[in-house]
Amino acid sequence: MRISPVKTAAVAAACLLATACTGGAPSSEGGGDASGPLRYLIEEPEDAETLQALRDHVAGFSEESGIEVEIETLPWETMNTVLQTQLRSGEGPDVFNWGSGPSFGGALAEGGLLYDLTDAYEERGWEVFDFAKERVTVDGKVFGIPGELETIGIFYNADVLGELGVEPPQDLDGLTAAAGTIREAGLVPLAASDQEGWQGGHYLSMALSSQIGPEGMEELFAGERSWDSPEVVSALQWWKDAQEAGLLVESPTSVDYDTATASFYAGEAAMIPTGSWLVGELDSNADFEVGYIPFPAPDGEGVFSSGLGSGPYISAQTGKAEDAIEFLDFLASEEHAQWTVENLATIPPRPVETEGLEVSPLFAQVLEDVATYAEAGGSGYNIDVLVSDDFNEAMYDGFQAILTDQMTPQEVAASLEAAAQQ
């Protein structure tokens, strides 16, 4: 569960776990303080109302279970700096939210800092999508509840496209043609910013996932396909060509994420390539009909890239393992999933019945699309949560270098392959 979708996605993509953990095998023998409330650490929400809603929600669990839960918050940057030290010292939280994937929870598991939840999954019957469960599994052991699902695609202003007689793009040529028509009308076709750097990873993820599909992406991660292959070069080249044709914001590396998003809300940009975490803000800020499509493939509609946000783990040092597992049972429940849908506008990593829930038509569409792709195993991948820090640095810097004419797509692809071999 993630409390601030936009902030976490932006920062987590840019700031992966900096120091790899070392140590013994993951343990389930808690040795921490067994007295006092269960300490639950999360990223600091962007507004007090969200935090209070979560506290009230968790209070219902405490009242029913008799387990007192104390919610603690830290800014993400601080949490990233101190979490490992706290967990190693035994002074850390009993339960905490952290990223799902090798560079996040996987690194902590390798360092022996997480409680093994393999038996709890079987005993409690926790339901999560198979691909999501794999992201919190290390060496055959399961260590966390996956965070909420996030897809990356293209939101579009349906009112503008309708006025211009433009259909939502069904293939890559259609996207280029639609963007050209929008540009001729005096609007920004794609509000694609890249000042922070992490956005370039998303842009490559969506273009590449749609071009080679989930299996092709898996081959890249497994080393069975090269990162300097023609397909990777082609995916990078599309964005370079789009910039040169004036289909993106002017000077993307000088435009930050919030500015690009604001231009879409204001109707100045007709499309924005970003993630499903934006749905809640779109419902509040866009006074026009919004649609959401995957980044198109060369020969068809393409697939959404997908990733996972922060989900709960238990510290290997907790002295309250039974209470912590009971709390995770609450966080893994369908009831909690439905609560997050209605109150946090997040997409649970498990099947959830949404009939009767108060959600916008746009969010209902996103929920349906995500469930369909997840259950069919047809989603692409968000690259930056599945690779090393060195690879991400090469990808973020390389994408910016393409947009500023400092490197060619071929040179960036070669640098990605070199980083993958380290």
Protein backbone atom coordinates (compact mmCIF):
# COMPACT_ATOMS: atom_id res chain seq x y z
CA MET A 1 0.00 0.00 0.00
CA ARG A 2 1.34 3.40 -0.94
CA ILE A 3 0.16 6.61 0.59
CA SER A 4 1.34 9.24 -1.90
CA PRO A 5 1.22 7.71 -5.37
CA VAL A 6 2.88 10.45 -7.40
CA LYS A 7 5.67 11.25 -4.99
CA THR A 8 6.60 7.66 -4.26
CA ALA A 9 6.61 6.65 -7.89
CA ALA A 10 8.76 9.57 -8.85
CA VAL A 11 11.27 9.28 -6.05
CA ALA A 12 11.41 5.51 -5.88
CA ALA A 13 12.15 5.27 -9.56
CA ALA A 14 14.97 7.76 -9.26
CA CYS A 15 16.45 6.69 -5.93
CA LEU A 16 16.85 2.95 -5.70
CA LEU A 17 18.29 1.37 -2.58
CA ALA A 18 21.79 2.74 -2.59
CA THR A 19 23.69 0.21 -0.51
CA ALA A 20 23.36 -3.52 -1.11
CA CYS A 21 22.79 -5.46 2.08
CA THR A 22 25.13 -8.18 3.22
CA GLY A 23 24.72 -10.69 6.00
CA GLY A 24 23.32 -14.06 6.86
CA ALA A 25 20.30 -15.87 5.49
CA PRO A 26 16.86 -14.37 6.16
CA SER A 27 15.57 -15.36 9.57
CA SER A 28 12.17 -15.78 11.16
CA GLU A 29 13.49 -15.62 14.70
CA GLY A 30 12.42 -12.24 16.02
CA GLY A 31 14.65 -10.78 18.71
CA GLY A 32 13.28 -7.27 19.19
CA ASP A 33 11.20 -5.69 21.93
CA ALA A 34 8.08 -7.76 22.60
CA SER A 35 6.38 -5.02 24.65
CA GLY A 36 4.47 -1.97 23.52
CA PRO A 37 2.45 -1.40 20.34
CA LEU A 38 3.26 -2.82 16.94
CA ARG A 39 5.33 -0.18 15.12
CA TYR A 40 4.34 0.36 11.46
CA LEU A 41 6.59 2.65 9.40
CA ILE A 42 5.37 4.22 6.16
CA GLU A 43 6.45 7.01 3.86
CA GLU A 44 5.21 10.39 5.03
CA PRO A 45 1.94 11.23 3.23
CA GLU A 46 1.65 14.47 1.33
CA ASP A 47 -1.41 15.57 3.30
CA ALA A 48 -2.65 15.16 6.85
CA GLU A 49 -6.09 13.97 5.72
CA THR A 50 -4.65 10.87 4.07
CA LEU A 51 -2.65 9.96 7.15
CA GLN A 52 -5.66 10.45 9.42
CA ALA A 53 -7.80 8.28 7.17
CA LEU A 54 -5.22 5.51 7.42
CA ARG A 55 -4.98 5.87 11.20
CA ASP A 56 -8.77 5.58 11.50
CA HIS A 57 -8.77 2.55 9.21
CA VAL A 58 -6.04 0.79 11.19
CA ALA A 59 -7.81 1.69 14.43
CA GLY A 60 -10.65 -0.53 13.27
CA PHE A 61 -8.22 -3.43 13.00
CA SER A 62 -6.87 -2.69 16.49
CA GLU A 63 -10.33 -2.59 17.99
CA GLU A 64 -11.27 -5.91 16.45
CA SER A 65 -7.97 -7.73 17.03
CA GLY A 66 -6.79 -6.19 20.28
CA ILE A 67 -3.41 -5.45 18.66
CA GLU A 68 -2.36 -1.83 19.07
CA VAL A 69 -0.62 -0.42 16.00
CA GLU A 70 1.46 2.75 16.12
CA ILE A 71 1.87 4.32 12.67
CA GLU A 72 5.18 6.12 12.18
CA THR A 73 6.12 8.22 9.15
CA LEU A 74 9.34 9.41 7.55
CA PRO A 75 10.08 11.30 4.35
CA TRP A 76 11.12 8.82 1.67
CA GLU A 77 14.66 10.20 1.42
CA THR A 78 15.14 9.83 5.20
CA MET A 79 13.60 6.38 5.23
CA ASN A 80 15.92 5.30 2.42
CA THR A 81 18.90 6.49 4.48
CA VAL A 82 18.08 5.08 7.91
CA LEU A 83 15.98 1.96 7.32
CA GLN A 84 18.84 -0.51 6.85
CA THR A 85 20.65 0.79 9.93
CA GLN A 86 17.52 0.55 12.05
CA LEU A 87 16.72 -2.96 10.88
CA ARG A 88 20.27 -4.17 11.52
CA SER A 89 20.37 -2.67 15.01
CA GLY A 90 17.04 -4.15 16.06
CA GLU A 91 15.69 -0.64 16.67
CA GLY A 92 13.63 -0.56 13.51
CA PRO A 93 9.88 -0.91 13.03
CA ASP A 94 8.10 -4.23 13.33
CA VAL A 95 6.31 -3.72 10.02
CA PHE A 96 7.25 -1.26 7.29
CA ASN A 97 6.32 -0.37 3.74
CA TRP A 98 9.06 -0.74 1.15
CA GLY A 99 9.37 -1.25 -2.58
CA SER A 100 8.60 -4.58 -4.23
CA GLY A 101 11.42 -5.90 -6.41
CA PRO A 102 15.08 -6.94 -6.34
CA SER A 103 16.52 -3.50 -5.63
CA PHE A 104 14.15 -2.86 -2.73
CA GLY A 105 12.71 -5.70 -0.65
CA GLY A 106 14.94 -8.19 -2.45
CA ALA A 107 18.09 -6.44 -1.24
CA LEU A 108 16.83 -6.45 2.35
CA ALA A 109 15.94 -10.14 2.11
CA GLU A 110 19.41 -10.98 0.82
CA GLY A 111 20.79 -9.16 3.86
CA GLY A 112 18.80 -11.24 6.34
CA LEU A 113 16.70 -8.27 7.43
CA LEU A 114 13.22 -9.59 6.60
CA TYR A 115 10.93 -12.11 8.23
CA ASP A 116 10.16 -15.16 6.07
CA LEU A 117 6.44 -15.17 5.24
CA THR A 118 6.37 -18.34 3.14
CA ASP A 119 4.45 -20.36 5.74
CA ALA A 120 2.14 -17.44 6.52
CA TYR A 121 1.10 -17.23 2.87
CA GLU A 122 0.10 -20.88 2.87
CA GLU A 123 -1.57 -20.84 6.27
CA ARG A 124 -3.46 -17.59 5.71
CA GLY A 125 -4.32 -18.13 2.05
CA TRP A 126 -3.20 -14.64 0.99
CA GLU A 127 -4.26 -13.95 -2.60
CA VAL A 128 -2.02 -11.89 -4.86
CA PHE A 129 -1.42 -12.00 -8.59
CA ASP A 130 1.30 -14.53 -9.42
CA PHE A 131 3.62 -12.04 -11.10
CA ALA A 132 3.29 -9.69 -8.11
CA LYS A 133 4.15 -12.45 -5.64
CA GLU A 134 7.29 -13.19 -7.64
CA ARG A 135 8.50 -9.64 -6.96
CA VAL A 136 8.62 -10.32 -3.20
CA THR A 137 10.10 -13.81 -3.53
CA VAL A 138 13.81 -14.43 -3.06
CA ASP A 139 15.41 -17.87 -3.40
CA GLY A 140 12.01 -19.53 -3.22
CA LYS A 141 10.95 -17.74 -0.01
CA VAL A 142 8.28 -15.04 0.17
CA PHE A 143 9.10 -11.96 2.24
CA GLY A 144 6.34 -9.39 1.78
CA ILE A 145 2.93 -8.40 0.52
CA PRO A 146 3.44 -6.77 -2.90
CA GLY A 147 2.69 -3.09 -3.18
CA GLU A 148 -0.13 -1.72 -5.28
CA LEU A 149 -0.03 -2.28 -9.01
CA GLU A 150 1.03 0.56 -11.26
CA THR A 151 0.77 0.63 -15.02
CA ILE A 152 2.46 3.04 -17.37
CA GLY A 153 0.73 4.22 -20.52
CA ILE A 154 -0.72 7.33 -22.11
CA PHE A 155 -3.56 9.43 -20.70
CA TYR A 156 -5.33 11.54 -23.31
CA ASN A 157 -7.78 14.42 -23.35
CA ALA A 158 -10.77 12.79 -25.03
CA ASP A 159 -12.47 16.16 -25.53
CA VAL A 160 -9.52 17.56 -27.48
CA LEU A 161 -9.06 14.44 -29.56
CA GLY A 162 -12.77 14.47 -30.37
CA GLU A 163 -12.70 18.13 -31.42
CA LEU A 164 -9.75 17.43 -33.72
CA GLY A 165 -11.32 14.30 -35.17
CA VAL A 166 -8.47 12.17 -33.85
CA GLU A 167 -9.09 8.60 -32.68
CA PRO A 168 -7.09 7.20 -29.75
CA PRO A 169 -3.98 5.72 -31.40
CA GLN A 170 -4.18 2.00 -32.22
CA ASP A 171 -0.57 1.57 -33.37
CA LEU A 172 2.72 3.47 -33.41
CA ASP A 173 2.11 5.17 -36.74
CA GLY A 174 -1.27 6.24 -35.40
CA LEU A 175 0.38 7.80 -32.35
CA THR A 176 2.81 9.74 -34.51
CA ALA A 177 0.02 10.92 -36.82
CA ALA A 178 -2.25 11.91 -33.91
CA ALA A 179 0.58 13.83 -32.26
CA GLY A 180 1.23 15.66 -35.53
CA THR A 181 -2.39 16.74 -35.81
CA ILE A 182 -2.38 17.95 -32.22
CA ARG A 183 0.80 19.95 -32.83
CA GLU A 184 -0.75 21.61 -35.89
CA ALA A 185 -3.64 22.69 -33.65
CA GLY A 186 -1.19 24.58 -31.44
CA LEU A 187 -1.18 22.17 -28.50
CA VAL A 188 1.58 20.07 -26.95
CA PRO A 189 1.03 16.52 -28.23
CA LEU A 190 2.86 14.63 -25.44
CA ALA A 191 3.68 16.25 -22.10
CA ALA A 192 6.87 14.19 -21.74
CA SER A 193 9.12 15.81 -19.13
CA ASP A 194 12.55 14.49 -18.12
CA GLN A 195 14.19 17.03 -15.82
CA GLU A 196 14.36 14.59 -12.91
CA GLY A 197 15.69 11.78 -15.11
CA TRP A 198 13.53 8.87 -13.92
CA GLN A 199 10.89 9.62 -16.55
CA GLY A 200 13.22 8.41 -19.30
CA GLY A 201 13.15 4.96 -17.73
CA HIS A 202 9.38 4.95 -17.99
CA TYR A 203 9.44 6.12 -21.60
CA LEU A 204 11.83 3.37 -22.60
CA SER A 205 9.83 0.82 -20.58
CA MET A 206 6.54 1.60 -22.32
CA ALA A 207 7.92 1.77 -25.85
CA LEU A 208 10.04 -1.36 -25.46
CA SER A 209 7.37 -3.43 -23.67
CA SER A 210 4.89 -2.77 -26.46
CA GLN A 211 7.45 -3.51 -29.15
CA ILE A 212 8.79 -6.86 -27.87
CA GLY A 213 6.06 -7.89 -25.42
CA PRO A 214 6.33 -9.40 -21.92
CA GLU A 215 8.35 -12.41 -23.08
CA GLY A 216 10.87 -10.21 -24.86
CA MET A 217 11.27 -8.07 -21.73
CA GLU A 218 11.82 -11.18 -19.63
CA GLU A 219 14.54 -12.28 -22.06
CA LEU A 220 16.28 -8.94 -21.55
CA PHE A 221 16.21 -9.24 -17.77
CA ALA A 222 17.43 -12.84 -17.95
CA GLY A 223 20.34 -11.92 -20.22
CA GLU A 224 18.92 -13.95 -23.09
CA ARG A 225 18.53 -10.83 -25.24
CA SER A 226 20.99 -7.99 -25.53
CA TRP A 227 20.24 -4.45 -24.38
CA ASP A 228 21.99 -3.14 -27.47
CA SER A 229 19.65 -5.07 -29.76
CA PRO A 230 17.89 -3.30 -32.66
CA GLU A 231 14.60 -3.32 -30.73
CA VAL A 232 16.08 -1.33 -27.84
CA VAL A 233 17.68 1.12 -30.24
CA SER A 234 14.35 1.48 -32.07
CA ALA A 235 12.46 2.21 -28.84
CA LEU A 236 14.96 4.92 -27.91
CA GLN A 237 14.96 6.29 -31.45
CA TRP A 238 11.20 6.83 -31.44
CA TRP A 239 11.47 9.29 -28.57
CA LYS A 240 14.39 11.07 -30.21
CA ASP A 241 12.43 11.38 -33.47
CA ALA A 242 9.36 12.58 -31.57
CA GLN A 243 11.37 15.33 -29.92
CA GLU A 244 12.91 16.46 -33.20
CA ALA A 245 9.43 16.55 -34.77
CA GLY A 246 8.15 18.80 -31.96
CA LEU A 247 5.82 16.17 -30.55
CA LEU A 248 7.06 16.50 -26.95
CA VAL A 249 7.31 19.48 -24.62
CA GLU A 250 10.03 21.91 -25.61
CA SER A 251 13.38 20.91 -24.03
CA PRO A 252 12.06 17.94 -21.98
CA THR A 253 15.17 17.81 -19.77
CA SER A 254 14.34 21.34 -18.56
CA VAL A 255 10.72 20.51 -17.67
CA ASP A 256 9.87 18.79 -14.39
CA TYR A 257 7.13 16.23 -13.80
CA ASP A 258 4.75 18.56 -11.95
CA THR A 259 4.95 21.21 -14.66
CA ALA A 260 4.21 18.69 -17.41
CA THR A 261 1.29 17.29 -15.43
CA ALA A 262 -0.11 20.79 -14.85
CA SER A 263 0.01 21.45 -18.60
CA PHE A 264 -2.19 18.41 -19.17
CA TYR A 265 -4.68 19.53 -16.50
CA ALA A 266 -4.80 22.97 -18.09
CA GLY A 267 -5.61 21.56 -21.54
CA GLU A 268 -2.33 22.82 -22.97
CA ALA A 269 -1.14 19.27 -23.68
CA ALA A 270 -3.43 16.66 -25.22
CA MET A 271 -1.61 13.54 -24.01
CA ILE A 272 0.73 12.64 -21.15
CA PRO A 273 2.81 9.46 -20.88
CA THR A 274 2.82 8.46 -17.22
CA GLY A 275 1.43 5.96 -14.73
CA SER A 276 -1.88 4.89 -13.26
CA TRP A 277 -0.94 6.56 -9.96
CA LEU A 278 -2.13 9.79 -11.57
CA VAL A 279 -5.78 8.70 -11.68
CA GLY A 280 -6.70 10.20 -8.33
CA GLU A 281 -5.26 13.58 -9.27
CA LEU A 282 -6.89 13.44 -12.69
CA ASP A 283 -10.28 12.91 -11.10
CA SER A 284 -9.72 16.03 -9.00
CA ASN A 285 -7.99 18.30 -11.50
CA ALA A 286 -9.11 17.47 -15.04
CA ASP A 287 -12.39 19.11 -16.10
CA PHE A 288 -12.52 17.05 -19.30
CA GLU A 289 -13.01 13.39 -20.17
CA VAL A 290 -9.80 11.38 -19.88
CA GLY A 291 -8.91 8.11 -21.60
CA TYR A 292 -6.00 5.76 -20.93
CA ILE A 293 -4.26 3.50 -23.44
CA PRO A 294 -1.04 1.48 -23.59
CA PHE A 295 1.85 2.94 -25.53
CA PRO A 296 1.13 1.57 -29.01
CA ALA A 297 3.14 -1.18 -30.66
CA PRO A 298 4.42 -0.91 -34.24
CA ASP A 299 1.65 -3.26 -35.38
CA GLY A 300 -1.07 -2.90 -32.77
CA GLU A 301 -2.35 -1.43 -29.54
CA GLY A 302 0.61 -2.53 -27.39
CA VAL A 303 0.63 -3.44 -23.70
CA PHE A 304 0.81 -1.48 -20.48
CA SER A 305 4.14 -1.52 -18.69
CA SER A 306 3.59 -2.50 -15.09
CA GLY A 307 5.33 -2.27 -11.76
CA LEU A 308 4.61 -2.44 -8.06
CA GLY A 309 4.67 0.21 -5.38
CA SER A 310 5.61 -0.13 -1.72
CA GLY A 311 4.10 -2.96 0.30
CA PRO A 312 4.43 -4.23 3.87
CA TYR A 313 7.30 -6.36 5.19
CA ILE A 314 8.10 -7.61 8.68
CA SER A 315 11.50 -7.01 10.26
CA ALA A 316 13.49 -10.18 11.00
CA GLN A 317 14.29 -8.58 14.37
CA THR A 318 10.70 -8.05 15.49
CA GLY A 319 9.71 -9.40 18.88
CA LYS A 320 6.06 -9.36 17.85
CA ALA A 321 6.00 -11.78 14.92
CA GLU A 322 2.53 -13.20 15.65
CA ASP A 323 0.95 -9.75 15.95
CA ALA A 324 2.80 -8.57 12.84
CA ILE A 325 1.50 -11.52 10.80
CA GLU A 326 -2.02 -10.81 12.04
CA PHE A 327 -1.62 -7.21 10.89
CA LEU A 328 -0.37 -8.32 7.47
CA ASP A 329 -3.39 -10.61 7.25
CA PHE A 330 -5.49 -7.46 7.58
CA LEU A 331 -3.40 -5.60 4.97
CA ALA A 332 -3.69 -8.56 2.56
CA SER A 333 -7.47 -8.83 2.87
CA GLU A 334 -9.99 -7.97 0.19
CA GLU A 335 -11.67 -5.58 2.62
CA HIS A 336 -8.46 -3.58 2.95
CA ALA A 337 -7.97 -3.72 -0.81
CA GLN A 338 -11.43 -2.25 -1.34
CA TRP A 339 -10.65 0.46 1.20
CA THR A 340 -7.47 1.46 -0.66
CA VAL A 341 -9.38 1.60 -3.94
CA GLU A 342 -11.97 4.00 -2.54
CA ASN A 343 -9.75 6.07 -0.25
CA LEU A 344 -6.28 6.07 -1.82
CA ALA A 345 -7.15 5.47 -5.48
CA THR A 346 -4.59 2.67 -5.64
CA ILE A 347 -4.77 -0.65 -7.48
CA PRO A 348 -4.46 -3.72 -5.23
CA PRO A 349 -2.06 -6.52 -6.26
CA ARG A 350 -4.86 -9.05 -5.83
CA PRO A 351 -8.31 -9.78 -7.24
CA VAL A 352 -10.87 -7.42 -5.73
CA GLU A 353 -14.61 -7.05 -6.17
CA THR A 354 -15.27 -3.43 -7.14
CA GLU A 355 -19.02 -3.57 -7.67
CA GLY A 356 -20.66 -1.05 -5.40
CA LEU A 357 -17.45 0.85 -4.68
CA GLU A 358 -17.38 4.61 -5.20
CA VAL A 359 -14.85 5.07 -8.01
CA SER A 360 -14.72 7.31 -11.06
CA PRO A 361 -15.33 5.89 -14.54
CA LEU A 362 -11.65 6.43 -15.37
CA PHE A 363 -10.47 4.55 -12.29
CA ALA A 364 -12.99 1.78 -12.97
CA GLN A 365 -11.51 1.39 -16.45
CA VAL A 366 -7.95 1.30 -15.09
CA LEU A 367 -8.89 -1.30 -12.49
CA GLU A 368 -10.52 -3.48 -15.11
CA ASP A 369 -7.61 -3.16 -17.52
CA VAL A 370 -5.02 -3.93 -14.85
CA ALA A 371 -6.87 -7.01 -13.61
CA THR A 372 -7.27 -8.28 -17.17
CA TYR A 373 -3.60 -7.86 -18.02
CA ALA A 374 -2.39 -9.19 -14.67
CA GLU A 375 -4.50 -12.33 -14.76
CA ALA A 376 -3.55 -13.00 -18.39
CA GLY A 377 0.14 -12.34 -17.76
CA GLY A 378 0.09 -9.86 -20.61
CA SER A 379 1.69 -6.77 -19.03
CA GLY A 380 5.04 -5.35 -19.92
CA TYR A 381 7.56 -4.24 -17.32
CA ASN A 382 8.76 -1.07 -15.67
CA ILE A 383 12.50 -1.52 -16.12
CA ASP A 384 13.90 0.47 -13.23
CA VAL A 385 12.52 -1.68 -10.42
CA LEU A 386 14.05 -4.86 -11.86
CA VAL A 387 17.62 -3.79 -12.58
CA SER A 388 20.69 -2.55 -10.74
CA ASP A 389 21.53 0.99 -9.66
CA ASP A 390 24.31 1.10 -12.26
CA PHE A 391 21.86 0.15 -15.00
CA ASN A 392 19.35 2.77 -13.91
CA GLU A 393 22.03 5.44 -13.88
CA ALA A 394 23.00 4.49 -17.42
CA MET A 395 19.36 4.52 -18.49
CA TYR A 396 18.38 7.82 -16.87
CA ASP A 397 21.53 9.64 -17.95
CA GLY A 398 21.48 8.04 -21.38
CA PHE A 399 17.90 9.03 -22.13
CA GLN A 400 18.65 12.62 -21.16
CA ALA A 401 21.76 12.49 -23.35
CA ILE A 402 19.64 11.43 -26.33
CA LEU A 403 17.29 14.36 -25.81
CA THR A 404 20.21 16.81 -25.57
CA ASP A 405 22.13 15.41 -28.57
CA GLN A 406 25.02 14.21 -26.44
CA MET A 407 24.58 10.52 -27.29
CA THR A 408 22.90 8.54 -30.04
CA PRO A 409 20.32 5.82 -29.32
CA GLN A 410 22.93 3.27 -30.43
CA GLU A 411 25.46 4.61 -27.94
CA VAL A 412 22.92 4.59 -25.11
CA ALA A 413 21.88 1.03 -25.93
CA ALA A 414 25.54 0.00 -25.81
CA SER A 415 25.91 1.63 -22.40
CA LEU A 416 22.84 -0.28 -21.14
CA GLU A 417 24.34 -3.56 -22.28
CA ALA A 418 27.62 -2.70 -20.57
CA ALA A 419 25.77 -1.87 -17.34
CA ALA A 420 23.80 -5.12 -17.55
CA GLN A 421 27.06 -7.08 -17.76
CA GLN A 422 28.49 -5.56 -14.57
